[in-house]
């Protein structure tokens, strides 16, 4: 009987974790370049360190990333908005000083000329962190990531850098707690292209999230009933033993 209760309780824990993942996805519906997480459940053996044979089966959980589904590209006409096309990723400098990847393309030029993401991470170029001269009248980004400015006292566009676009293998990408992705990869992709004046939206839809929440709520209710049923069976068995 304890195996039934233990399996049901671990199932309840995993369902709660799945609900948290779905809630996280919902909270990032409007975050540019966000990649949804999926919670999946699987069975796993729990073995005692003193016993060689498995003792119980419990529910296990994991949250693989749905990297294959791109978000919709939405035109913004903002010169500093870019949407990565295909498998391209924008390279930025994480808080730890190491390169990281993101699909979020709402860029900003800080007062000191640094080009950063909306979250404040410095954008890396082919030659290092990108620095934009302060005396410019206009700025544009080419499809290959080339940045050009129109100086205030000139009529000729001047190149000031090029975005470092990379295409790391999807199975090597790992998301950090800061929302950035990392991989053992550092190789510029000369074929990578971007869509200037546009943003890639989150690949999570509200309808999908609501369906997941309904399914998870029903699963949680079913597992709760299973615990109650196990309790009733245990009490019934105890009552029969008292009669005998």
C-alpha atoms as a PDB file:
ATOM      1  CA  UNK A   1       0.000   0.000   0.000  1.00  0.00           C
ATOM      2  CA  UNK A   2       2.845   2.382   0.789  1.00  0.00           C
ATOM      3  CA  UNK A   3       4.114   2.012  -2.788  1.00  0.00           C
ATOM      4  CA  UNK A   4       0.790   3.263  -4.162  1.00  0.00           C
ATOM      5  CA  UNK A   5       0.765   6.273  -1.842  1.00  0.00           C
ATOM      6  CA  UNK A   6       4.422   7.059  -2.532  1.00  0.00           C
ATOM      7  CA  UNK A   7       3.909   6.953  -6.303  1.00  0.00           C
ATOM      8  CA  UNK A   8       0.828   9.157  -6.060  1.00  0.00           C
ATOM      9  CA  UNK A   9       2.590  11.697  -3.845  1.00  0.00           C
ATOM     10  CA  UNK A  10       5.600  11.992  -6.134  1.00  0.00           C
ATOM     11  CA  UNK A  11       3.160  12.353  -9.029  1.00  0.00           C
ATOM     12  CA  UNK A  12       1.553  15.276  -7.194  1.00  0.00           C
ATOM     13  CA  UNK A  13       4.968  16.903  -6.758  1.00  0.00           C
ATOM     14  CA  UNK A  14       5.815  16.545 -10.437  1.00  0.00           C
ATOM     15  CA  UNK A  15       2.430  17.945 -11.453  1.00  0.00           C
ATOM     16  CA  UNK A  16       3.042  20.985  -9.265  1.00  0.00           C
ATOM     17  CA  UNK A  17       6.396  21.459 -10.982  1.00  0.00           C
ATOM     18  CA  UNK A  18       4.697  21.180 -14.382  1.00  0.00           C
ATOM     19  CA  UNK A  19       2.208  23.867 -13.369  1.00  0.00           C
ATOM     20  CA  UNK A  20       5.098  26.118 -12.355  1.00  0.00           C
ATOM     21  CA  UNK A  21       6.711  25.627 -15.777  1.00  0.00           C
ATOM     22  CA  UNK A  22       3.453  26.502 -17.542  1.00  0.00           C
ATOM     23  CA  UNK A  23       3.000  29.573 -15.338  1.00  0.00           C
ATOM     24  CA  UNK A  24       6.550  30.642 -16.251  1.00  0.00           C
ATOM     25  CA  UNK A  25       5.707  30.274 -19.938  1.00  0.00           C
ATOM     26  CA  UNK A  26       2.566  32.360 -19.513  1.00  0.00           C
ATOM     27  CA  UNK A  27       4.518  35.100 -17.782  1.00  0.00           C
ATOM     28  CA  UNK A  28       6.823  35.348 -20.806  1.00  0.00           C
ATOM     29  CA  UNK A  29       4.197  35.476 -23.564  1.00  0.00           C
ATOM     30  CA  UNK A  30       5.307  39.013 -24.450  1.00  0.00           C
ATOM     31  CA  UNK A  31       9.051  38.484 -23.986  1.00  0.00           C
ATOM     32  CA  UNK A  32      10.861  38.769 -27.357  1.00  0.00           C
ATOM     33  CA  UNK A  33      12.753  35.638 -28.350  1.00  0.00           C
ATOM     34  CA  UNK A  34      11.513  33.592 -25.384  1.00  0.00           C
ATOM     35  CA  UNK A  35      11.645  29.804 -25.826  1.00  0.00           C
ATOM     36  CA  UNK A  36       8.967  27.879 -24.001  1.00  0.00           C
ATOM     37  CA  UNK A  37       9.728  25.052 -21.609  1.00  0.00           C
ATOM     38  CA  UNK A  38       7.900  21.733 -21.596  1.00  0.00           C
ATOM     39  CA  UNK A  39       7.426  19.605 -18.513  1.00  0.00           C
ATOM     40  CA  UNK A  40       7.404  15.863 -19.120  1.00  0.00           C
ATOM     41  CA  UNK A  41       6.832  13.070 -16.639  1.00  0.00           C
ATOM     42  CA  UNK A  42       8.547   9.694 -16.518  1.00  0.00           C
ATOM     43  CA  UNK A  43       8.814   6.794 -14.094  1.00  0.00           C
ATOM     44  CA  UNK A  44      11.992   6.143 -12.160  1.00  0.00           C
ATOM     45  CA  UNK A  45      13.208   3.490  -9.731  1.00  0.00           C
ATOM     46  CA  UNK A  46      14.067   4.537  -6.196  1.00  0.00           C
ATOM     47  CA  UNK A  47      16.608   2.083  -4.787  1.00  0.00           C
ATOM     48  CA  UNK A  48      17.774   1.948  -1.196  1.00  0.00           C
ATOM     49  CA  UNK A  49      21.553   2.287  -0.769  1.00  0.00           C
ATOM     50  CA  UNK A  50      21.487  -0.812   1.474  1.00  0.00           C
ATOM     51  CA  UNK A  51      19.335  -2.914  -0.874  1.00  0.00           C
ATOM     52  CA  UNK A  52      20.429  -3.965  -4.331  1.00  0.00           C
ATOM     53  CA  UNK A  53      16.903  -4.525  -5.674  1.00  0.00           C
ATOM     54  CA  UNK A  54      14.749  -1.467  -6.523  1.00  0.00           C
ATOM     55  CA  UNK A  55      12.323  -0.641  -3.731  1.00  0.00           C
ATOM     56  CA  UNK A  56       9.716   1.702  -5.232  1.00  0.00           C
ATOM     57  CA  UNK A  57       8.728   3.415  -8.453  1.00  0.00           C
ATOM     58  CA  UNK A  58       8.179   7.144  -8.363  1.00  0.00           C
ATOM     59  CA  UNK A  59       7.318   9.817 -10.907  1.00  0.00           C
ATOM     60  CA  UNK A  60      10.216  11.836 -12.250  1.00  0.00           C
ATOM     61  CA  UNK A  61      10.247  15.158 -14.065  1.00  0.00           C
ATOM     62  CA  UNK A  62      12.344  17.101 -16.528  1.00  0.00           C
ATOM     63  CA  UNK A  63      11.901  20.296 -18.541  1.00  0.00           C
ATOM     64  CA  UNK A  64      13.482  20.028 -22.009  1.00  0.00           C
ATOM     65  CA  UNK A  65      13.449  23.161 -24.118  1.00  0.00           C
ATOM     66  CA  UNK A  66      11.372  23.435 -27.239  1.00  0.00           C
ATOM     67  CA  UNK A  67      14.158  24.943 -29.317  1.00  0.00           C
ATOM     68  CA  UNK A  68      12.861  23.795 -32.677  1.00  0.00           C
ATOM     69  CA  UNK A  69       9.759  25.984 -32.694  1.00  0.00           C
ATOM     70  CA  UNK A  70      10.562  29.591 -33.678  1.00  0.00           C
ATOM     71  CA  UNK A  71       8.372  32.439 -32.541  1.00  0.00           C
ATOM     72  CA  UNK A  72       6.423  34.612 -34.946  1.00  0.00           C
ATOM     73  CA  UNK A  73       8.350  37.520 -36.460  1.00  0.00           C
ATOM     74  CA  UNK A  74       6.611  40.853 -35.966  1.00  0.00           C
ATOM     75  CA  UNK A  75       7.660  44.037 -37.763  1.00  0.00           C
ATOM     76  CA  UNK A  76       8.370  46.997 -35.470  1.00  0.00           C
ATOM     77  CA  UNK A  77      10.231  49.367 -37.852  1.00  0.00           C
ATOM     78  CA  UNK A  78      12.545  50.233 -34.961  1.00  0.00           C
ATOM     79  CA  UNK A  79      16.138  50.422 -36.283  1.00  0.00           C
ATOM     80  CA  UNK A  80      17.588  48.624 -33.247  1.00  0.00           C
ATOM     81  CA  UNK A  81      15.122  45.721 -33.328  1.00  0.00           C
ATOM     82  CA  UNK A  82      16.384  42.537 -34.965  1.00  0.00           C
ATOM     83  CA  UNK A  83      14.955  39.043 -35.382  1.00  0.00           C
ATOM     84  CA  UNK A  84      17.359  36.144 -35.822  1.00  0.00           C
ATOM     85  CA  UNK A  85      16.470  33.903 -38.750  1.00  0.00           C
ATOM     86  CA  UNK A  86      16.876  30.135 -38.918  1.00  0.00           C
ATOM     87  CA  UNK A  87      19.230  28.727 -36.287  1.00  0.00           C
ATOM     88  CA  UNK A  88      21.130  31.981 -35.705  1.00  0.00           C
ATOM     89  CA  UNK A  89      21.704  33.267 -32.165  1.00  0.00           C
ATOM     90  CA  UNK A  90      22.946  36.650 -30.989  1.00  0.00           C
ATOM     91  CA  UNK A  91      26.111  36.468 -28.861  1.00  0.00           C
ATOM     92  CA  UNK A  92      26.183  38.571 -25.696  1.00  0.00           C
ATOM     93  CA  UNK A  93      28.349  38.843 -22.612  1.00  0.00           C
ATOM     94  CA  UNK A  94      26.760  37.284 -19.543  1.00  0.00           C
ATOM     95  CA  UNK A  95      27.075  38.600 -16.002  1.00  0.00           C
ATOM     96  CA  UNK A  96      29.964  36.184 -15.473  1.00  0.00           C
ATOM     97  CA  UNK A  97      31.890  37.764 -18.341  1.00  0.00           C
ATOM     98  CA  UNK A  98      31.564  34.724 -20.602  1.00  0.00           C
ATOM     99  CA  UNK A  99      29.784  34.595 -23.979  1.00  0.00           C
ATOM    100  CA  UNK A 100      26.152  33.490 -24.026  1.00  0.00           C
ATOM    101  CA  UNK A 101      23.378  33.271 -26.598  1.00  0.00           C
ATOM    102  CA  UNK A 102      19.983  34.881 -26.901  1.00  0.00           C
ATOM    103  CA  UNK A 103      17.226  35.295 -29.482  1.00  0.00           C
ATOM    104  CA  UNK A 104      16.014  38.518 -27.867  1.00  0.00           C
ATOM    105  CA  UNK A 105      16.681  41.303 -30.326  1.00  0.00           C
ATOM    106  CA  UNK A 106      15.370  44.551 -28.803  1.00  0.00           C
ATOM    107  CA  UNK A 107      18.737  46.306 -28.605  1.00  0.00           C
ATOM    108  CA  UNK A 108      19.652  49.632 -27.007  1.00  0.00           C
ATOM    109  CA  UNK A 109      22.557  52.066 -27.186  1.00  0.00           C
ATOM    110  CA  UNK A 110      23.573  53.135 -23.690  1.00  0.00           C
ATOM    111  CA  UNK A 111      24.775  56.618 -22.774  1.00  0.00           C
ATOM    112  CA  UNK A 112      28.395  55.429 -22.895  1.00  0.00           C
ATOM    113  CA  UNK A 113      27.918  54.012 -26.405  1.00  0.00           C
ATOM    114  CA  UNK A 114      27.670  50.343 -25.434  1.00  0.00           C
ATOM    115  CA  UNK A 115      25.219  48.263 -27.467  1.00  0.00           C
ATOM    116  CA  UNK A 116      23.203  46.075 -25.097  1.00  0.00           C
ATOM    117  CA  UNK A 117      20.088  43.951 -24.970  1.00  0.00           C
ATOM    118  CA  UNK A 118      16.975  45.226 -23.192  1.00  0.00           C
ATOM    119  CA  UNK A 119      18.174  43.307 -20.129  1.00  0.00           C
ATOM    120  CA  UNK A 120      21.503  45.166 -20.135  1.00  0.00           C
ATOM    121  CA  UNK A 121      23.797  42.421 -21.461  1.00  0.00           C
ATOM    122  CA  UNK A 122      26.571  43.806 -23.731  1.00  0.00           C
ATOM    123  CA  UNK A 123      26.229  42.676 -27.341  1.00  0.00           C
ATOM    124  CA  UNK A 124      29.366  41.077 -28.745  1.00  0.00           C
ATOM    125  CA  UNK A 125      30.647  41.780 -32.211  1.00  0.00           C
ATOM    126  CA  UNK A 126      33.186  40.037 -34.389  1.00  0.00           C
ATOM    127  CA  UNK A 127      35.973  41.969 -32.648  1.00  0.00           C
ATOM    128  CA  UNK A 128      34.551  42.099 -29.132  1.00  0.00           C
ATOM    129  CA  UNK A 129      31.949  44.213 -27.353  1.00  0.00           C
ATOM    130  CA  UNK A 130      30.311  46.692 -29.714  1.00  0.00           C
ATOM    131  CA  UNK A 131      30.834  50.378 -28.991  1.00  0.00           C
ATOM    132  CA  UNK A 132      28.816  52.954 -30.908  1.00  0.00           C
ATOM    133  CA  UNK A 133      30.237  56.501 -31.390  1.00  0.00           C
ATOM    134  CA  UNK A 134      28.019  59.086 -29.743  1.00  0.00           C
ATOM    135  CA  UNK A 135      27.975  61.630 -32.570  1.00  0.00           C
ATOM    136  CA  UNK A 136      25.667  59.972 -35.066  1.00  0.00           C
ATOM    137  CA  UNK A 137      22.405  61.056 -36.627  1.00  0.00           C
ATOM    138  CA  UNK A 138      21.116  57.621 -37.573  1.00  0.00           C
ATOM    139  CA  UNK A 139      21.957  53.932 -37.193  1.00  0.00           C
ATOM    140  CA  UNK A 140      21.084  50.882 -39.257  1.00  0.00           C
ATOM    141  CA  UNK A 141      21.752  47.145 -39.101  1.00  0.00           C
ATOM    142  CA  UNK A 142      22.208  45.027 -42.214  1.00  0.00           C
ATOM    143  CA  UNK A 143      20.843  41.529 -42.736  1.00  0.00           C
ATOM    144  CA  UNK A 144      24.301  40.077 -42.088  1.00  0.00           C
ATOM    145  CA  UNK A 145      24.585  41.963 -38.777  1.00  0.00           C
ATOM    146  CA  UNK A 146      26.691  44.861 -40.041  1.00  0.00           C
ATOM    147  CA  UNK A 147      26.166  48.051 -38.037  1.00  0.00           C
ATOM    148  CA  UNK A 148      26.465  51.386 -39.785  1.00  0.00           C
ATOM    149  CA  UNK A 149      26.001  54.932 -38.535  1.00  0.00           C
ATOM    150  CA  UNK A 150      25.399  58.205 -40.319  1.00  0.00           C
ATOM    151  CA  UNK A 151      27.599  60.791 -38.580  1.00  0.00           C
ATOM    152  CA  UNK A 152      25.883  64.052 -37.716  1.00  0.00           C
ATOM    153  CA  UNK A 153      28.343  66.042 -39.847  1.00  0.00           C
ATOM    154  CA  UNK A 154      28.565  63.660 -42.795  1.00  0.00           C
ATOM    155  CA  UNK A 155      26.384  62.230 -45.545  1.00  0.00           C
ATOM    156  CA  UNK A 156      28.204  58.896 -45.845  1.00  0.00           C
ATOM    157  CA  UNK A 157      27.315  55.798 -43.831  1.00  0.00           C
ATOM    158  CA  UNK A 158      30.236  54.394 -41.857  1.00  0.00           C
ATOM    159  CA  UNK A 159      30.572  50.815 -40.580  1.00  0.00           C
ATOM    160  CA  UNK A 160      31.186  50.605 -36.833  1.00  0.00           C
ATOM    161  CA  UNK A 161      30.986  46.853 -36.222  1.00  0.00           C
ATOM    162  CA  UNK A 162      29.260  43.590 -36.974  1.00  0.00           C
ATOM    163  CA  UNK A 163      27.116  41.439 -34.707  1.00  0.00           C
ATOM    164  CA  UNK A 164      28.625  38.094 -33.742  1.00  0.00           C
ATOM    165  CA  UNK A 165      26.009  35.629 -34.969  1.00  0.00           C
ATOM    166  CA  UNK A 166      26.484  31.943 -34.174  1.00  0.00           C
ATOM    167  CA  UNK A 167      24.522  28.769 -34.844  1.00  0.00           C
ATOM    168  CA  UNK A 168      25.420  26.315 -32.037  1.00  0.00           C
ATOM    169  CA  UNK A 169      23.919  22.810 -32.173  1.00  0.00           C
ATOM    170  CA  UNK A 170      20.501  22.769 -30.532  1.00  0.00           C
ATOM    171  CA  UNK A 171      21.288  19.686 -28.453  1.00  0.00           C
ATOM    172  CA  UNK A 172      24.191  21.525 -26.788  1.00  0.00           C
ATOM    173  CA  UNK A 173      22.259  24.619 -25.708  1.00  0.00           C
ATOM    174  CA  UNK A 174      21.477  24.927 -22.014  1.00  0.00           C
ATOM    175  CA  UNK A 175      19.402  27.707 -20.483  1.00  0.00           C
ATOM    176  CA  UNK A 176      20.802  29.429 -17.403  1.00  0.00           C
ATOM    177  CA  UNK A 177      18.882  30.996 -14.539  1.00  0.00           C
ATOM    178  CA  UNK A 178      19.498  34.389 -16.211  1.00  0.00           C
ATOM    179  CA  UNK A 179      17.494  33.296 -19.267  1.00  0.00           C
ATOM    180  CA  UNK A 180      20.578  33.159 -21.509  1.00  0.00           C
ATOM    181  CA  UNK A 181      21.672  30.021 -23.333  1.00  0.00           C
ATOM    182  CA  UNK A 182      25.159  28.571 -23.250  1.00  0.00           C
ATOM    183  CA  UNK A 183      27.028  25.880 -25.148  1.00  0.00           C
ATOM    184  CA  UNK A 184      30.561  24.653 -25.646  1.00  0.00           C
ATOM    185  CA  UNK A 185      30.672  26.478 -28.960  1.00  0.00           C
ATOM    186  CA  UNK A 186      32.444  29.550 -30.326  1.00  0.00           C
ATOM    187  CA  UNK A 187      32.270  29.687 -34.086  1.00  0.00           C
ATOM    188  CA  UNK A 188      30.961  32.580 -36.150  1.00  0.00           C
ATOM    189  CA  UNK A 189      28.325  31.711 -38.739  1.00  0.00           C
ATOM    190  CA  UNK A 190      28.975  33.784 -41.848  1.00  0.00           C
ATOM    191  CA  UNK A 191      25.737  32.555 -43.401  1.00  0.00           C
ATOM    192  CA  UNK A 192      23.534  33.653 -40.481  1.00  0.00           C
ATOM    193  CA  UNK A 193      21.012  36.358 -41.285  1.00  0.00           C
ATOM    194  CA  UNK A 194      18.724  38.645 -39.320  1.00  0.00           C
ATOM    195  CA  UNK A 195      15.523  40.546 -40.032  1.00  0.00           C
ATOM    196  CA  UNK A 196      16.144  44.236 -39.194  1.00  0.00           C
ATOM    197  CA  UNK A 197      13.253  46.279 -37.861  1.00  0.00           C
ATOM    198  CA  UNK A 198      11.462  43.242 -36.450  1.00  0.00           C
ATOM    199  CA  UNK A 199      11.322  41.055 -33.350  1.00  0.00           C
ATOM    200  CA  UNK A 200      10.844  37.340 -32.826  1.00  0.00           C
ATOM    201  CA  UNK A 201       8.036  36.895 -30.356  1.00  0.00           C
ATOM    202  CA  UNK A 202       7.713  34.157 -27.746  1.00  0.00           C
ATOM    203  CA  UNK A 203       7.015  30.717 -29.201  1.00  0.00           C
ATOM    204  CA  UNK A 204       4.470  30.106 -26.427  1.00  0.00           C
ATOM    205  CA  UNK A 205       0.779  30.696 -27.167  1.00  0.00           C
ATOM    206  CA  UNK A 206      -1.840  31.546 -24.570  1.00  0.00           C
ATOM    207  CA  UNK A 207      -4.168  28.843 -25.906  1.00  0.00           C
ATOM    208  CA  UNK A 208      -1.512  26.149 -25.490  1.00  0.00           C
ATOM    209  CA  UNK A 209      -0.738  27.296 -21.959  1.00  0.00           C
ATOM    210  CA  UNK A 210      -4.417  27.266 -20.950  1.00  0.00           C
ATOM    211  CA  UNK A 211      -4.862  23.740 -22.316  1.00  0.00           C
ATOM    212  CA  UNK A 212      -1.795  22.597 -20.377  1.00  0.00           C
ATOM    213  CA  UNK A 213      -3.135  24.158 -17.175  1.00  0.00           C
ATOM    214  CA  UNK A 214      -6.485  22.373 -17.559  1.00  0.00           C
ATOM    215  CA  UNK A 215      -4.755  19.035 -18.178  1.00  0.00           C
ATOM    216  CA  UNK A 216      -2.429  19.528 -15.209  1.00  0.00           C
ATOM    217  CA  UNK A 217      -5.324  20.470 -12.930  1.00  0.00           C
ATOM    218  CA  UNK A 218      -7.209  17.323 -13.891  1.00  0.00           C
ATOM    219  CA  UNK A 219      -4.109  15.206 -13.387  1.00  0.00           C
ATOM    220  CA  UNK A 220      -3.556  16.751  -9.957  1.00  0.00           C
ATOM    221  CA  UNK A 221      -7.175  15.996  -9.006  1.00  0.00           C
ATOM    222  CA  UNK A 222      -6.863  12.399 -10.205  1.00  0.00           C
ATOM    223  CA  UNK A 223      -3.713  11.832  -8.165  1.00  0.00           C
ATOM    224  CA  UNK A 224      -5.387  13.356  -5.103  1.00  0.00           C
ATOM    225  CA  UNK A 225      -8.248  10.893  -5.491  1.00  0.00           C
ATOM    226  CA  UNK A 226      -5.712   8.083  -5.757  1.00  0.00           C
ATOM    227  CA  UNK A 227      -4.215   9.072  -2.406  1.00  0.00           C
ATOM    228  CA  UNK A 228      -7.709   9.149  -0.872  1.00  0.00           C
ATOM    229  CA  UNK A 229      -8.505   5.725  -2.339  1.00  0.00           C
ATOM    230  CA  UNK A 230      -5.273   4.323  -0.939  1.00  0.00           C
ATOM    231  CA  UNK A 231      -6.176   5.701   2.472  1.00  0.00           C
ATOM    232  CA  UNK A 232      -9.645   4.113   2.346  1.00  0.00           C
ATOM    233  CA  UNK A 233      -8.204   0.742   1.328  1.00  0.00           C
ATOM    234  CA  UNK A 234      -5.632   0.923   4.118  1.00  0.00           C
ATOM    235  CA  UNK A 235      -8.337   1.740   6.701  1.00  0.00           C
ATOM    236  CA  UNK A 236     -10.515  -1.084   5.355  1.00  0.00           C
ATOM    237  CA  UNK A 237      -7.680  -3.572   5.643  1.00  0.00           C
ATOM    238  CA  UNK A 238      -6.966  -2.456   9.201  1.00  0.00           C
ATOM    239  CA  UNK A 239     -10.637  -2.854  10.110  1.00  0.00           C
ATOM    240  CA  UNK A 240     -10.694  -6.429   8.778  1.00  0.00           C
ATOM    241  CA  UNK A 241      -7.614  -7.307  10.806  1.00  0.00           C
ATOM    242  CA  UNK A 242      -9.267  -5.964  13.969  1.00  0.00           C
ATOM    243  CA  UNK A 243     -12.357  -8.117  13.337  1.00  0.00           C
ATOM    244  CA  UNK A 244     -10.257 -11.260  13.035  1.00  0.00           C
END
